[in-house]
N, C-alpha and C. Protein backbone atom coordinates (compact mmCIF):
# COMPACT_ATOMS: atom_id res chain seq x y z
N MET A 1 -116.91 -125.24 168.22
CA MET A 1 -117.45 -123.85 168.11
C MET A 1 -117.52 -123.58 166.55
N ARG A 2 -118.45 -122.95 166.04
CA ARG A 2 -118.60 -122.53 164.79
C ARG A 2 -118.69 -120.97 164.54
N PRO A 3 -117.67 -120.32 164.69
CA PRO A 3 -117.56 -118.79 164.79
C PRO A 3 -118.38 -118.22 163.52
N GLY A 4 -118.40 -118.83 162.33
CA GLY A 4 -119.01 -118.48 161.14
C GLY A 4 -120.44 -118.41 161.31
N LEU A 5 -120.99 -119.39 161.97
CA LEU A 5 -122.45 -119.46 162.26
C LEU A 5 -122.80 -118.29 163.14
N TYR A 6 -122.02 -118.02 164.14
CA TYR A 6 -122.24 -116.95 165.14
C TYR A 6 -122.15 -115.61 164.47
N ALA A 7 -121.19 -115.57 163.62
CA ALA A 7 -121.03 -114.22 162.77
C ALA A 7 -122.28 -114.02 161.88
N PHE A 8 -122.76 -115.09 161.33
CA PHE A 8 -123.97 -114.88 160.47
C PHE A 8 -125.06 -114.37 161.47
N ALA A 9 -125.31 -115.19 162.59
CA ALA A 9 -126.36 -114.74 163.63
C ALA A 9 -126.30 -113.32 164.24
N ALA A 10 -124.98 -112.89 164.32
CA ALA A 10 -124.86 -111.44 164.70
C ALA A 10 -125.10 -110.46 163.63
N ALA A 11 -124.72 -110.77 162.33
CA ALA A 11 -125.18 -109.94 161.14
C ALA A 11 -126.70 -109.96 161.00
N ALA A 12 -127.31 -111.08 161.23
CA ALA A 12 -128.75 -111.21 160.88
C ALA A 12 -129.39 -110.40 162.13
N SER A 13 -128.92 -110.36 163.23
CA SER A 13 -129.38 -109.54 164.46
C SER A 13 -129.24 -108.06 164.12
N PHE A 14 -128.13 -107.64 163.53
CA PHE A 14 -127.85 -106.31 163.07
C PHE A 14 -128.99 -106.01 161.98
N LEU A 15 -129.07 -106.87 161.01
CA LEU A 15 -130.13 -106.59 159.83
C LEU A 15 -131.50 -106.51 160.55
N GLY A 16 -131.92 -107.24 161.46
CA GLY A 16 -133.19 -107.34 162.03
C GLY A 16 -133.46 -105.99 162.86
N ALA A 17 -132.36 -105.55 163.63
CA ALA A 17 -132.63 -104.41 164.44
C ALA A 17 -132.76 -103.05 163.48
N THR A 18 -131.86 -102.99 162.37
CA THR A 18 -132.07 -101.91 161.51
C THR A 18 -133.35 -101.87 160.86
N THR A 19 -133.78 -103.18 160.51
CA THR A 19 -135.11 -103.13 159.82
C THR A 19 -136.16 -102.76 160.78
N TYR A 20 -136.19 -103.16 161.99
CA TYR A 20 -137.02 -102.73 162.89
C TYR A 20 -137.09 -101.13 163.04
N ILE A 21 -135.87 -100.61 163.08
CA ILE A 21 -135.82 -99.10 163.23
C ILE A 21 -136.63 -98.49 161.98
N GLY A 22 -136.32 -98.97 160.81
CA GLY A 22 -136.80 -98.43 159.67
C GLY A 22 -138.34 -98.64 159.40
N LEU A 23 -138.88 -99.79 159.83
CA LEU A 23 -140.20 -100.15 159.48
C LEU A 23 -141.07 -99.82 160.70
N VAL A 24 -140.72 -99.87 162.02
CA VAL A 24 -141.61 -99.70 162.97
C VAL A 24 -141.30 -98.45 163.77
N GLU A 25 -139.97 -98.33 164.35
CA GLU A 25 -139.75 -97.15 165.17
C GLU A 25 -139.79 -95.90 164.42
N GLN A 26 -139.17 -95.61 163.25
CA GLN A 26 -139.20 -94.52 162.66
C GLN A 26 -140.60 -93.89 162.18
N PRO A 27 -141.49 -94.69 161.59
CA PRO A 27 -142.87 -94.20 161.39
C PRO A 27 -143.57 -93.86 162.69
N ALA A 28 -143.35 -94.55 163.87
CA ALA A 28 -144.03 -94.19 165.01
C ALA A 28 -143.53 -92.85 165.46
N ARG A 29 -142.18 -92.64 165.32
CA ARG A 29 -141.58 -91.59 165.79
C ARG A 29 -141.97 -90.22 165.13
N LEU A 30 -142.18 -90.48 163.74
CA LEU A 30 -142.72 -89.32 162.85
C LEU A 30 -144.11 -88.86 163.18
N ALA A 31 -144.87 -89.79 163.84
CA ALA A 31 -146.31 -89.52 164.24
C ALA A 31 -146.31 -88.73 165.47
N LEU A 32 -145.32 -88.45 166.19
CA LEU A 32 -145.31 -87.68 167.44
C LEU A 32 -145.26 -86.18 167.12
N SER A 33 -145.49 -85.48 168.18
CA SER A 33 -145.22 -83.95 168.09
C SER A 33 -143.77 -83.62 168.01
N GLY A 34 -143.45 -82.56 167.65
CA GLY A 34 -141.95 -82.13 167.39
C GLY A 34 -141.07 -82.34 168.56
N ALA A 35 -141.58 -82.02 169.75
CA ALA A 35 -140.62 -82.00 171.05
C ALA A 35 -140.62 -83.50 171.49
N ALA A 36 -141.71 -84.21 171.39
CA ALA A 36 -141.73 -85.55 171.80
C ALA A 36 -140.94 -86.47 170.83
N MET A 37 -141.03 -86.08 169.52
CA MET A 37 -140.35 -86.88 168.60
C MET A 37 -138.82 -86.75 168.76
N LEU A 38 -138.38 -85.52 169.05
CA LEU A 38 -137.03 -85.22 169.29
C LEU A 38 -136.47 -86.00 170.67
N GLN A 39 -137.32 -85.92 171.57
CA GLN A 39 -136.94 -86.64 172.79
C GLN A 39 -136.82 -88.14 172.67
N GLU A 40 -137.78 -88.66 172.04
CA GLU A 40 -137.80 -90.05 171.90
C GLU A 40 -136.64 -90.51 171.08
N TRP A 41 -136.15 -89.66 169.92
CA TRP A 41 -135.10 -89.96 169.11
C TRP A 41 -133.79 -89.94 169.87
N LYS A 42 -133.73 -89.01 170.81
CA LYS A 42 -132.43 -88.85 171.61
C LYS A 42 -132.13 -90.13 172.28
N TRP A 43 -133.17 -90.52 173.01
CA TRP A 43 -133.06 -91.64 173.79
C TRP A 43 -132.71 -92.99 173.01
N SER A 44 -133.59 -93.07 171.91
CA SER A 44 -133.55 -94.27 171.10
C SER A 44 -132.15 -94.31 170.31
N ASN A 45 -131.74 -93.22 169.84
CA ASN A 45 -130.44 -93.10 169.07
C ASN A 45 -129.24 -93.55 169.84
N ARG A 46 -129.21 -93.15 171.17
CA ARG A 46 -128.07 -93.62 172.01
C ARG A 46 -127.96 -95.10 172.18
N ARG A 47 -129.23 -95.74 172.56
CA ARG A 47 -129.14 -97.02 172.65
C ARG A 47 -129.03 -97.89 171.48
N GLY A 48 -129.65 -97.36 170.38
CA GLY A 48 -129.55 -98.15 169.16
C GLY A 48 -128.11 -98.09 168.67
N THR A 49 -127.38 -97.09 168.69
CA THR A 49 -126.04 -96.95 168.31
C THR A 49 -125.15 -97.88 169.06
N LEU A 50 -125.39 -98.15 170.22
CA LEU A 50 -124.62 -99.06 171.16
C LEU A 50 -125.01 -100.54 170.66
N VAL A 51 -126.21 -100.78 170.43
CA VAL A 51 -126.62 -102.17 170.03
C VAL A 51 -126.13 -102.51 168.67
N LEU A 52 -126.34 -101.63 167.84
CA LEU A 52 -125.75 -101.91 166.36
C LEU A 52 -124.22 -101.96 166.25
N SER A 53 -123.54 -101.20 167.16
CA SER A 53 -122.09 -101.22 167.18
C SER A 53 -121.64 -102.67 167.69
N VAL A 54 -122.36 -103.09 168.69
CA VAL A 54 -121.95 -104.27 169.29
C VAL A 54 -122.06 -105.47 168.35
N PHE A 55 -123.26 -105.60 167.71
CA PHE A 55 -123.71 -106.64 166.65
C PHE A 55 -122.49 -106.61 165.62
N ALA A 56 -122.18 -105.35 165.01
CA ALA A 56 -121.26 -105.22 164.09
C ALA A 56 -119.83 -105.77 164.36
N VAL A 57 -119.39 -105.35 165.60
CA VAL A 57 -118.09 -105.77 165.99
C VAL A 57 -118.04 -107.27 166.26
N VAL A 58 -118.96 -107.79 166.99
CA VAL A 58 -119.02 -109.14 167.25
C VAL A 58 -119.12 -109.92 165.94
N SER A 59 -119.96 -109.50 165.04
CA SER A 59 -119.98 -110.46 163.83
C SER A 59 -118.66 -110.27 163.02
N ALA A 60 -117.96 -109.11 163.02
CA ALA A 60 -116.81 -108.97 162.23
C ALA A 60 -115.72 -109.86 163.02
N ILE A 61 -115.50 -109.89 164.18
CA ILE A 61 -114.41 -110.59 164.93
C ILE A 61 -114.81 -111.98 164.77
N LEU A 62 -115.94 -112.57 164.89
CA LEU A 62 -116.30 -114.00 164.66
C LEU A 62 -115.98 -114.33 163.19
N ALA A 63 -116.37 -113.34 162.27
CA ALA A 63 -116.08 -113.77 160.83
C ALA A 63 -114.45 -113.77 160.54
N TYR A 64 -113.69 -112.98 161.16
CA TYR A 64 -112.26 -113.03 161.05
C TYR A 64 -111.75 -114.30 161.62
N ILE A 65 -112.35 -114.59 162.77
CA ILE A 65 -111.77 -115.98 163.42
C ILE A 65 -112.12 -117.12 162.43
N GLN A 66 -113.33 -117.12 161.84
CA GLN A 66 -113.63 -118.23 160.95
C GLN A 66 -112.64 -118.14 159.78
N PHE A 67 -112.40 -116.96 159.23
CA PHE A 67 -111.43 -116.83 158.10
C PHE A 67 -110.09 -117.44 158.44
N LYS A 68 -109.55 -117.20 159.74
CA LYS A 68 -108.29 -117.73 160.05
C LYS A 68 -108.37 -119.19 160.20
N THR A 69 -109.49 -119.80 160.53
CA THR A 69 -109.74 -121.23 160.76
C THR A 69 -109.78 -121.90 159.31
N ASN A 70 -110.52 -121.41 158.36
CA ASN A 70 -110.56 -122.11 157.12
C ASN A 70 -110.08 -121.45 155.82
N GLY A 71 -109.64 -120.25 156.03
CA GLY A 71 -109.16 -119.43 154.93
C GLY A 71 -109.91 -119.00 153.73
N ASP A 72 -111.40 -119.19 153.98
CA ASP A 72 -112.23 -118.70 153.00
C ASP A 72 -112.44 -117.22 152.98
N VAL A 73 -112.09 -116.54 151.97
CA VAL A 73 -111.99 -115.16 151.92
C VAL A 73 -113.40 -114.45 152.11
N ARG A 74 -114.51 -115.28 151.72
CA ARG A 74 -115.82 -114.76 151.88
C ARG A 74 -116.02 -114.25 153.36
N TRP A 75 -115.53 -115.07 154.33
CA TRP A 75 -115.71 -114.57 155.75
C TRP A 75 -114.99 -113.20 155.91
N LEU A 76 -113.92 -112.96 155.25
CA LEU A 76 -113.21 -111.76 155.54
C LEU A 76 -114.07 -110.59 154.74
N ILE A 77 -114.45 -110.86 153.64
CA ILE A 77 -115.34 -109.90 152.93
C ILE A 77 -116.60 -109.58 153.83
N GLY A 78 -117.31 -110.49 154.30
CA GLY A 78 -118.62 -110.19 154.95
C GLY A 78 -118.17 -109.59 156.38
N GLY A 79 -117.02 -109.85 156.88
CA GLY A 79 -116.57 -109.05 158.23
C GLY A 79 -116.40 -107.66 157.83
N THR A 80 -115.72 -107.49 156.78
CA THR A 80 -115.40 -105.96 156.30
C THR A 80 -116.73 -105.23 156.13
N ILE A 81 -117.71 -105.94 155.40
CA ILE A 81 -118.90 -105.26 154.98
C ILE A 81 -119.60 -104.91 156.33
N ILE A 82 -119.73 -105.78 157.24
CA ILE A 82 -120.59 -105.39 158.61
C ILE A 82 -119.94 -104.43 159.12
N LEU A 83 -118.43 -104.41 159.16
CA LEU A 83 -117.65 -103.43 159.87
C LEU A 83 -117.80 -102.04 159.14
N ALA A 84 -118.22 -102.03 157.94
CA ALA A 84 -118.38 -100.76 157.20
C ALA A 84 -119.53 -99.88 157.78
N SER A 85 -120.35 -100.54 158.68
CA SER A 85 -121.33 -99.72 159.33
C SER A 85 -120.82 -98.53 160.24
N TRP A 86 -119.66 -98.76 160.73
CA TRP A 86 -119.07 -97.74 161.49
C TRP A 86 -118.66 -96.54 160.79
N PRO A 87 -117.82 -96.57 159.66
CA PRO A 87 -117.67 -95.36 158.88
C PRO A 87 -118.93 -94.81 158.29
N TYR A 88 -119.80 -95.68 157.84
CA TYR A 88 -121.13 -95.11 157.28
C TYR A 88 -121.80 -94.31 158.51
N ALA A 89 -121.92 -94.80 159.66
CA ALA A 89 -122.42 -94.06 160.80
C ALA A 89 -121.78 -92.79 160.96
N TYR A 90 -120.52 -92.75 161.00
CA TYR A 90 -119.78 -91.56 161.41
C TYR A 90 -119.72 -90.58 160.25
N PHE A 91 -119.54 -90.94 159.09
CA PHE A 91 -119.42 -89.96 157.87
C PHE A 91 -120.78 -89.73 157.31
N VAL A 92 -121.67 -90.58 157.29
CA VAL A 92 -123.00 -90.27 156.67
C VAL A 92 -124.13 -89.81 157.68
N MET A 93 -124.26 -90.55 158.77
CA MET A 93 -125.35 -90.35 159.71
C MET A 93 -124.99 -89.28 160.72
N MET A 94 -123.70 -89.20 161.18
CA MET A 94 -123.11 -88.35 162.21
C MET A 94 -123.58 -86.83 161.90
N PRO A 95 -123.54 -86.35 160.80
CA PRO A 95 -123.83 -84.93 160.44
C PRO A 95 -125.41 -84.62 160.79
N VAL A 96 -126.22 -85.45 160.42
CA VAL A 96 -127.67 -85.38 160.78
C VAL A 96 -127.90 -85.53 162.11
N ASN A 97 -127.13 -86.40 162.77
CA ASN A 97 -127.26 -86.65 164.27
C ASN A 97 -126.87 -85.43 165.00
N VAL A 98 -125.72 -84.70 164.59
CA VAL A 98 -125.41 -83.56 165.15
C VAL A 98 -126.38 -82.43 165.08
N TRP A 99 -126.98 -82.31 163.98
CA TRP A 99 -127.98 -81.24 163.88
C TRP A 99 -129.36 -81.62 164.67
N LEU A 100 -129.66 -82.91 164.70
CA LEU A 100 -130.77 -83.24 165.64
C LEU A 100 -130.42 -83.06 167.05
N PHE A 101 -129.21 -83.30 167.55
CA PHE A 101 -128.88 -83.06 168.90
C PHE A 101 -128.81 -81.62 169.29
N VAL A 102 -128.53 -80.72 168.40
CA VAL A 102 -128.32 -79.34 168.70
C VAL A 102 -129.68 -78.57 168.61
N ILE A 103 -130.70 -79.17 168.06
CA ILE A 103 -131.93 -78.34 167.87
C ILE A 103 -132.57 -78.11 169.17
N PRO A 104 -132.93 -76.78 169.50
CA PRO A 104 -133.51 -76.43 170.72
C PRO A 104 -134.86 -77.06 170.71
N PRO A 105 -135.46 -77.40 171.95
CA PRO A 105 -136.80 -77.90 172.07
C PRO A 105 -137.98 -77.12 171.40
N GLY A 106 -137.78 -75.87 171.42
CA GLY A 106 -138.83 -74.93 170.88
C GLY A 106 -138.75 -74.75 169.41
N THR A 107 -138.07 -75.50 168.66
CA THR A 107 -137.93 -75.18 167.25
C THR A 107 -139.17 -75.62 166.52
N ALA A 108 -139.36 -74.88 165.37
CA ALA A 108 -140.55 -75.07 164.49
C ALA A 108 -140.50 -76.64 164.07
N VAL A 109 -141.62 -77.27 164.04
CA VAL A 109 -141.65 -78.61 163.63
C VAL A 109 -141.22 -78.97 162.30
N SER A 110 -141.48 -78.09 161.38
CA SER A 110 -141.29 -78.39 159.92
C SER A 110 -139.70 -78.74 159.74
N PRO A 111 -138.80 -77.97 160.08
CA PRO A 111 -137.28 -78.34 159.83
C PRO A 111 -136.97 -79.53 160.60
N LEU A 112 -137.48 -79.63 161.70
CA LEU A 112 -137.22 -80.75 162.57
C LEU A 112 -137.67 -82.24 161.92
N ARG A 113 -138.90 -81.96 161.48
CA ARG A 113 -139.46 -83.18 160.74
C ARG A 113 -138.66 -83.67 159.57
N LYS A 114 -138.24 -82.55 158.73
CA LYS A 114 -137.49 -82.85 157.54
C LYS A 114 -136.14 -83.54 157.98
N LEU A 115 -135.40 -82.97 158.82
CA LEU A 115 -134.16 -83.71 159.32
C LEU A 115 -134.47 -85.03 159.77
N MET A 116 -135.66 -85.30 160.50
CA MET A 116 -136.01 -86.67 161.06
C MET A 116 -136.26 -87.48 159.98
N ARG A 117 -136.92 -87.04 158.92
CA ARG A 117 -137.11 -87.98 157.79
C ARG A 117 -135.93 -88.19 157.02
N ASP A 118 -134.97 -87.35 156.87
CA ASP A 118 -133.68 -87.53 156.27
C ASP A 118 -132.88 -88.54 157.00
N TRP A 119 -132.85 -88.45 158.43
CA TRP A 119 -132.17 -89.46 159.21
C TRP A 119 -132.84 -90.86 158.96
N GLY A 120 -134.11 -90.93 158.93
CA GLY A 120 -134.72 -92.20 158.65
C GLY A 120 -134.41 -92.79 157.30
N LEU A 121 -134.30 -91.96 156.36
CA LEU A 121 -133.82 -92.51 154.99
C LEU A 121 -132.38 -93.01 155.02
N LEU A 122 -131.50 -92.11 155.82
CA LEU A 122 -130.18 -92.49 155.84
C LEU A 122 -129.96 -93.90 156.51
N GLU A 123 -130.91 -94.12 157.49
CA GLU A 123 -130.88 -95.36 158.39
C GLU A 123 -130.97 -96.60 157.45
N TRP A 124 -131.67 -96.44 156.29
CA TRP A 124 -131.69 -97.64 155.36
C TRP A 124 -130.36 -98.14 154.94
N GLY A 125 -129.43 -97.32 154.97
CA GLY A 125 -128.05 -97.70 154.46
C GLY A 125 -127.58 -98.81 155.48
N HIS A 126 -127.81 -98.60 156.75
CA HIS A 126 -127.48 -99.72 157.72
C HIS A 126 -128.24 -101.02 157.27
N VAL A 127 -129.37 -100.95 156.96
CA VAL A 127 -130.17 -102.16 156.54
C VAL A 127 -129.35 -102.80 155.26
N LEU A 128 -129.06 -102.01 154.17
CA LEU A 128 -128.35 -102.55 153.26
C LEU A 128 -126.97 -103.15 153.61
N ILE A 129 -126.29 -102.53 154.44
CA ILE A 129 -125.00 -103.08 154.94
C ILE A 129 -125.29 -104.44 155.66
N GLY A 130 -126.24 -104.47 156.71
CA GLY A 130 -126.57 -105.78 157.23
C GLY A 130 -126.96 -106.85 156.34
N PHE A 131 -127.80 -106.48 155.32
CA PHE A 131 -128.25 -107.36 154.38
C PHE A 131 -127.15 -108.03 153.43
N ALA A 132 -126.20 -107.20 153.06
CA ALA A 132 -125.10 -107.58 152.29
C ALA A 132 -124.21 -108.57 153.20
N ALA A 133 -123.94 -108.10 154.31
CA ALA A 133 -123.05 -109.01 155.24
C ALA A 133 -123.67 -110.46 155.54
N ALA A 134 -125.07 -110.34 155.76
CA ALA A 134 -125.69 -111.52 156.17
C ALA A 134 -125.74 -112.54 154.82
N CYS A 135 -125.85 -111.90 153.62
CA CYS A 135 -125.90 -112.66 152.42
C CYS A 135 -124.56 -113.35 152.10
N VAL A 136 -123.54 -112.63 152.33
CA VAL A 136 -122.25 -113.17 152.13
C VAL A 136 -121.91 -114.24 153.14
N PHE A 137 -122.24 -114.07 154.38
CA PHE A 137 -122.14 -115.15 155.40
C PHE A 137 -122.96 -116.27 155.14
N ALA A 138 -124.18 -116.15 154.59
CA ALA A 138 -125.10 -117.25 154.27
C ALA A 138 -124.49 -117.96 152.97
N TRP A 139 -123.83 -117.35 152.12
CA TRP A 139 -123.24 -117.99 151.15
C TRP A 139 -122.15 -118.81 151.60
N ALA A 140 -121.34 -118.27 152.40
CA ALA A 140 -120.11 -119.01 152.86
C ALA A 140 -120.61 -120.22 153.83
N LEU A 141 -121.70 -120.09 154.44
CA LEU A 141 -122.17 -121.23 155.19
C LEU A 141 -122.79 -122.33 154.31
N GLU A 142 -123.57 -121.78 153.34
CA GLU A 142 -124.22 -122.86 152.46
C GLU A 142 -123.32 -123.59 151.58
N LEU A 143 -122.26 -122.97 150.94
CA LEU A 143 -121.23 -123.44 150.22
C LEU A 143 -119.89 -123.37 150.55
N PRO A 144 -119.62 -124.14 151.60
CA PRO A 144 -118.28 -123.95 151.92
C PRO A 144 -117.12 -124.31 150.98
N MET A 145 -116.01 -123.87 151.23
CA MET A 145 -114.94 -124.00 150.19
C MET A 145 -114.00 -125.24 150.91
């Protein structure tokens, strides 16, 4: 078994999922009416949070196993980077999530749309985290120590 390869695959899946959210799902969501946009976001956010959390934890665990196997500190760094998506989601994304969850359905579209745009911009932080972790893992796979 090559846990490092699977750690890279999980990080690449994390990166792919976050890129899909930013490039496909968010623009489609912003094209909806206010109530429909909020309803779609609530369902999508719950599922997306679970998927991204699983990818991050699996990738980090496998990276730490690979680090224990060969002692290459790059696996430790990559695992820590991908795991940084959790505090990023909690401290950066969560305040906007809370505002979006408590907005009543009849709210004017303008503040809702602004919050949704802000959420979409913040989501690109997850893309950067996934990209950084995948790059570190690719480096460790390509040039083993």
